[in-house]
Protein backbone atom coordinates (compact mmCIF):
# COMPACT_ATOMS: atom_id res chain seq x y z
CA LEU A 1 27.06 -4.04 62.98
CA ILE A 2 23.95 -3.60 61.05
CA LYS A 3 26.03 -4.01 57.64
CA ARG A 4 27.56 -7.58 58.99
CA TYR A 5 24.58 -9.00 60.67
CA HIS A 6 21.49 -7.65 60.10
CA GLN A 7 18.79 -9.53 57.68
CA ILE A 8 15.81 -8.58 55.51
CA GLY A 9 13.26 -10.78 54.38
CA HIS A 10 11.10 -14.11 55.01
CA GLY A 11 12.76 -16.03 57.72
CA SER A 12 15.42 -13.78 58.86
CA MET A 13 16.96 -15.08 61.84
CA ILE A 14 19.11 -12.31 63.43
CA GLN A 15 17.66 -8.54 62.90
CA ILE A 16 19.30 -5.56 64.69
CA ALA A 17 17.07 -2.52 65.63
CA VAL A 18 18.77 0.92 66.06
CA ALA A 19 17.54 1.67 69.85
CA PRO A 20 18.29 4.51 72.12
CA CYS A 21 17.18 4.05 75.59
CA SER A 22 14.74 6.79 76.33
CA PRO A 23 14.36 10.28 76.23
CA PHE A 24 16.50 10.76 79.71
CA GLU A 25 19.25 9.41 77.72
CA VAL A 26 19.30 11.04 74.23
CA THR A 27 19.12 14.41 72.44
CA THR A 28 16.78 15.26 69.43
CA GLU A 29 19.55 15.27 66.95
CA PHE A 30 20.77 11.74 68.32
CA MET A 31 16.96 10.47 68.17
CA GLN A 32 16.90 11.86 64.32
CA SER A 33 20.34 10.55 63.52
CA SER A 34 19.20 7.07 64.74
CA ALA A 35 15.82 7.27 62.41
CA HIS A 36 18.17 8.30 59.76
CA LEU A 37 20.76 5.07 60.16
CA ALA A 38 17.63 2.44 60.82
CA ARG A 39 15.81 3.74 57.75
CA GLN A 40 19.11 3.43 55.56
CA TYR A 41 19.28 0.07 56.37
CA GLN A 42 15.76 -1.26 56.60
CA ALA A 43 16.44 -1.55 60.68
CA PRO A 44 13.74 -1.53 63.11
CA LEU A 45 13.73 1.71 65.25
CA HIS A 46 12.77 0.76 69.33
CA THR A 47 12.94 3.02 72.51
CA HIS A 48 11.42 3.08 75.81
CA LEU A 49 8.61 5.70 76.01
CA ALA A 50 6.02 7.18 78.77
CA GLU A 51 6.90 4.67 81.22
CA THR A 52 6.94 6.99 84.21
CA ASN A 53 5.43 10.25 85.12
CA ASP A 54 8.89 11.45 85.90
CA GLU A 55 9.56 11.29 82.10
CA VAL A 56 6.91 13.16 81.42
CA VAL A 57 8.24 16.05 83.53
CA PHE A 58 11.57 15.58 81.82
CA CYS A 59 10.33 15.77 78.51
CA GLN A 60 8.31 18.96 79.38
CA THR A 61 11.65 20.62 81.20
CA THR A 62 13.90 19.27 78.82
CA TYR A 63 12.20 19.42 75.58
CA GLY A 64 9.42 21.61 76.18
CA CYS A 65 6.76 18.95 75.17
CA ARG A 66 5.49 16.02 76.38
CA PRO A 67 6.98 12.29 75.12
CA VAL A 68 4.80 11.63 71.98
CA ARG A 69 5.48 15.27 70.74
CA PHE A 70 9.36 14.89 71.32
CA LEU A 71 8.87 11.32 69.33
CA GLU A 72 7.47 13.22 66.57
CA ASP A 73 9.88 15.93 66.60
CA SER A 74 12.52 13.35 66.19
CA GLY A 75 10.67 11.79 63.13
CA TRP A 76 10.02 8.81 64.76
CA LEU A 77 6.33 8.61 64.27
CA LYS A 78 6.06 5.64 61.62
CA SER A 79 5.07 2.21 61.19
CA ASP A 80 8.73 1.12 61.55
CA VAL A 81 8.90 1.82 65.58
CA TRP A 82 7.98 -0.11 68.31
CA LEU A 83 7.84 1.07 71.83
CA ALA A 84 8.36 -0.28 75.21
CA HIS A 85 5.87 0.36 78.24
CA GLY A 86 3.69 3.29 76.65
CA ILE A 87 1.69 4.12 79.80
CA HIS A 88 1.22 7.67 80.22
CA PHE A 89 -0.78 8.89 76.98
CA THR A 90 -3.48 11.12 76.70
CA ASP A 91 -6.43 10.28 74.21
CA ASP A 92 -5.16 12.58 71.88
CA GLU A 93 -1.59 10.99 72.40
CA ILE A 94 -3.07 7.77 71.86
CA ASN A 95 -4.99 8.52 68.76
CA ARG A 96 -1.61 9.93 67.09
CA LEU A 97 0.26 6.41 67.97
CA GLY A 98 -2.45 4.65 66.88
CA SER A 99 -2.72 6.50 62.89
CA ALA A 100 1.24 5.96 62.85
CA ARG A 101 0.63 2.50 63.26
CA ILE A 102 3.39 2.52 66.29
CA GLY A 103 3.95 -0.61 68.14
CA ILE A 104 3.67 -1.05 71.89
CA SER A 105 5.67 -3.52 73.89
CA HIS A 106 3.43 -4.21 76.92
CA CYS A 107 5.81 -5.14 80.06
CA PRO A 108 3.40 -5.56 82.73
CA SER A 109 5.56 -7.12 85.28
CA SER A 110 8.23 -4.17 85.12
CA ASN A 111 5.68 -1.83 85.39
CA ALA A 112 3.88 -3.44 88.57
CA LEU A 113 7.56 -3.67 89.95
CA LEU A 114 8.69 0.00 89.21
CA ALA A 115 5.18 0.99 90.35
CA SER A 116 5.11 3.03 87.04
CA GLY A 117 1.11 2.56 86.14
CA CYS A 118 -0.50 0.16 83.80
CA CYS A 119 -0.37 0.36 79.60
CA PRO A 120 -3.91 1.20 78.28
CA VAL A 121 -4.03 -2.18 75.93
CA PRO A 122 -7.21 -1.90 75.02
CA ARG A 123 -7.55 1.70 73.79
CA LEU A 124 -4.13 1.52 72.17
CA GLU A 125 -5.36 -1.14 70.18
CA GLN A 126 -8.79 0.09 69.26
CA ALA A 127 -6.73 3.62 67.91
CA GLY A 128 -5.07 0.98 65.56
CA CYS A 129 -1.48 0.50 67.45
CA ARG A 130 0.04 -2.84 67.17
CA VAL A 131 0.40 -4.22 70.70
CA GLY A 132 2.92 -7.02 71.97
CA LEU A 133 4.47 -7.93 74.93
CA GLY A 134 8.12 -7.73 76.69
CA VAL A 135 9.73 -8.87 79.39
CA ASP A 136 12.29 -5.80 79.45
CA GLY A 137 15.31 -6.31 81.63
CA SER A 138 16.66 -7.45 84.50
CA ALA A 139 16.86 -4.08 86.26
CA SER A 140 13.01 -4.71 86.71
CA ASN A 141 12.06 -8.08 85.91
CA ASP A 142 14.06 -11.13 87.50
CA ALA A 143 12.30 -13.93 85.52
CA SER A 144 12.34 -12.46 82.23
CA ASN A 145 10.14 -15.46 81.28
CA LEU A 146 7.47 -14.64 78.41
CA MET A 147 4.89 -17.06 79.19
CA GLN A 148 4.96 -15.70 82.61
CA GLU A 149 4.00 -12.05 81.02
CA VAL A 150 1.14 -13.44 79.29
CA ARG A 151 -0.27 -14.19 82.76
CA GLN A 152 0.80 -11.13 84.26
CA ALA A 153 -0.52 -9.32 81.25
CA PHE A 154 -4.25 -11.11 81.60
CA LEU A 155 -4.35 -10.10 85.04
CA THR A 156 -3.24 -6.67 84.55
CA GLN A 157 -5.44 -5.79 82.06
CA ARG A 158 -8.43 -7.49 83.20
CA SER A 159 -7.97 -5.66 86.74
CA ALA A 160 -8.03 -2.23 84.85
CA HIS A 161 -10.40 -2.67 82.12
CA GLY A 162 -13.14 -5.44 83.42
CA ILE A 163 -14.02 -9.15 82.84
CA GLY A 164 -15.66 -8.42 79.80
CA ALA A 165 -13.01 -6.76 78.23
CA ILE A 166 -9.84 -8.95 78.17
CA THR A 167 -10.05 -12.91 77.88
CA HIS A 168 -6.70 -15.14 77.98
CA LEU A 169 -6.93 -15.36 74.22
CA ASP A 170 -6.36 -11.77 73.94
CA ALA A 171 -3.33 -12.35 76.09
CA LEU A 172 -2.08 -15.14 73.94
CA ARG A 173 -2.65 -13.26 70.83
CA TRP A 174 -0.46 -10.18 72.39
CA ALA A 175 2.36 -12.65 72.91
CA THR A 176 2.30 -14.23 69.42
CA GLU A 177 0.67 -12.08 66.47
CA GLY A 178 0.81 -9.07 68.73
CA SER A 179 4.50 -9.30 69.07
CA ALA A 180 5.26 -10.43 65.71
CA ALA A 181 3.33 -7.39 64.26
CA CYS A 182 5.10 -4.98 66.65
CA LEU A 183 8.43 -6.22 64.40
CA ASN A 184 6.65 -5.86 60.84
CA ARG A 185 7.24 -9.36 60.78
CA ASN A 186 4.57 -11.45 58.53
CA ASP A 187 6.19 -14.58 58.76
CA ILE A 188 6.24 -15.41 62.29
CA GLY A 189 3.71 -15.22 65.00
CA CYS A 190 0.80 -17.93 63.97
CA ILE A 191 0.56 -21.36 62.96
CA ALA A 192 -0.33 -21.19 59.67
CA PRO A 193 0.72 -22.81 55.87
CA GLY A 194 3.70 -20.15 54.69
CA LYS A 195 4.75 -19.04 58.01
CA CYS A 196 8.12 -20.08 59.78
CA ALA A 197 7.70 -23.07 61.93
CA ASP A 198 7.63 -21.46 65.44
CA LEU A 199 6.16 -23.79 68.06
CA ALA A 200 6.11 -23.54 71.84
CA LEU A 201 4.49 -26.92 73.11
CA PHE A 202 3.51 -27.91 76.90
CA ARG A 203 2.29 -30.50 78.88
CA LEU A 204 -0.50 -30.27 81.11
CA ASP A 205 -0.24 -33.92 82.47
CA GLN A 206 2.80 -33.27 84.80
CA GLU A 207 2.15 -30.37 87.49
CA PRO A 208 -0.50 -30.39 89.79
CA ARG A 209 -1.34 -26.66 88.79
CA PHE A 210 -2.78 -28.07 85.55
CA SER A 211 -4.66 -30.85 86.92
CA GLY A 212 -8.78 -30.79 86.25
CA TYR A 213 -7.99 -28.34 83.45
CA GLY A 214 -10.77 -27.54 81.33
CA ASP A 215 -9.60 -25.48 78.25
CA PRO A 216 -5.65 -26.34 77.41
CA LEU A 217 -5.28 -22.72 76.14
CA ALA A 218 -7.23 -21.43 79.04
CA ALA A 219 -4.97 -23.46 81.19
CA LEU A 220 -1.75 -22.08 80.07
CA VAL A 221 -2.50 -18.89 81.28
CA LEU A 222 -4.43 -19.12 84.20
CA CYS A 223 -2.78 -21.83 85.82
CA GLY A 224 0.62 -20.04 85.07
CA ALA A 225 2.36 -22.38 82.48
CA HIS A 226 6.17 -21.51 82.42
CA ARG A 227 8.35 -24.18 81.33
CA ALA A 228 7.89 -25.40 77.83
CA ASP A 229 8.31 -29.03 76.86
CA ARG A 230 9.12 -28.74 73.13
CA VAL A 231 10.32 -25.34 71.17
CA MET A 232 11.02 -25.17 67.90
CA VAL A 233 12.51 -22.12 66.03
CA ASN A 234 12.02 -21.70 62.03
CA GLY A 235 11.60 -25.67 62.05
CA ARG A 236 14.76 -26.56 64.09
CA TRP A 237 14.01 -28.14 67.37
CA VAL A 238 16.21 -25.91 70.16
CA VAL A 239 14.27 -27.33 72.97
CA GLU A 240 13.02 -31.38 73.77
CA ASP A 241 12.06 -33.02 76.77
CA GLY A 242 12.51 -29.40 78.54
CA LYS A 243 15.99 -29.12 77.68
CA LEU A 244 17.91 -27.09 75.31
CA VAL A 245 19.54 -29.27 72.60
CA HIS A 246 22.45 -27.34 71.34
CA ALA A 247 23.56 -25.73 74.87
CA ASP A 248 24.33 -26.73 78.25
CA LEU A 249 22.02 -24.74 80.55
CA GLY A 250 24.33 -25.68 83.55
CA ASP A 251 27.16 -23.72 82.08
CA ILE A 252 25.10 -21.30 81.09
CA ILE A 253 23.73 -20.40 84.69
CA ALA A 254 27.44 -20.87 86.00
CA ASN A 255 29.05 -18.53 83.72
CA HIS A 256 26.10 -16.01 84.09
CA THR A 257 26.42 -16.68 87.89
CA ARG A 258 29.98 -15.76 87.73
CA ALA A 259 29.50 -12.58 85.32
CA ALA A 260 26.80 -10.93 87.87
CA ARG A 261 29.27 -11.88 91.17
CA THR A 262 32.14 -9.57 89.34
CA ILE A 263 29.50 -7.20 88.64
CA GLN A 264 28.13 -6.84 91.88
CA SER A 265 31.57 -6.66 93.57
CA ILE A 266 32.98 -4.00 90.95
CA VAL A 267 29.57 -1.89 92.20
């Protein structure tokens, strides 16, 4: 798959990550071989780490160490790695992750649904980690809507760290520049000359939730924008007037619903 599809360089549209799920699923040797494979083909490395206290106990029982040490012993503590969740870290572990420039994908909706805890985003950023946003999977986030995740991240982090520590601009930065940085992409994540033309445009004049807004960027986060009116990916319009340009949403939903019901009947 990597040989056939993985693209490297400015404007890459398809990148394949080597991504063992979590310490629950693998051995140290498997993690080491995954890192070797990814670096052989300049592919990114990803896993879920320190999501729950159970995971910490599992690592201590199985590997004789905490999750970050397990990561380090597996050869993963390098800047080509980004981790999902990143909740249960000690201060020393945060500093080690920051020194390695590890990326952290904050998944606040999933963490809230599973009552896993709260990612210490400000401390991670201060230590040198790159922080972005993720929706996680359908098992723990039924919406999978990144704009909704921006609002959830804003509320979660402000609740945990105080009104003066987090602004709506921080939440938007995590979703854009921070997420690009997690993937070690310097060609996306912001609107600037030389970057790929990735745009998401939202209307504030068609829903009551935005009525009377002051700052339009604050309105996107605080009022809960959830559906883009226009989306451009690398200079190509893929959503216009709120509708997919190159696919039929009705067909996608119908096919997905059939597949979901088939799986449910099997389970």
